[in-house]
Amino acid sequence: MRRLTLYTLSVFYFVAGANHFLHPDFYLGLIPDYIPFHVFTNYMVGALELILAMMLWLPRTRRMGAWGIVLLLVLLVPSHVYFIQVGSCVPNSLCIKEWISWSRLLIGQPLLIWWAWGLRNV
């Protein structure tokens, strides 16, 4: 079962990382204004997600990959806060109910961190 959750997380991050390259415009509006170089930042996050996903595949790099995902999730918290600050709606990108944004920040983000942290020793 732990292996299944490991590969599920890996696929999740691989698809998310690829999506930064396939649909960059979706992510650009979600990057806070105070972070410079939006296009570069988007591609860098996508590349990191792809690399970290692949690191989960190999036992030798799995622990570092899991810790990398935890760190990346923590670093992305300001993006979630920014999305809430702009009313949970970025035109031409993503518009959701504000309670969903709060749930993603307060429940979803910690659960993803816990999930990745729990897989560091698989």
Foldseek 3Di string as FASTA:
>chain_A
DLVVLLLVQLVVLLVVLVCCVVPVVQCLQLDDPVDPDSNVVSNVSSVLSNVLSVLCVDLVSNLVSLVSQLVVLVVCLVSLVVCLVVVVDDPPHGRDHSVVSVCCNPPVSVVSNVSSNVSSND
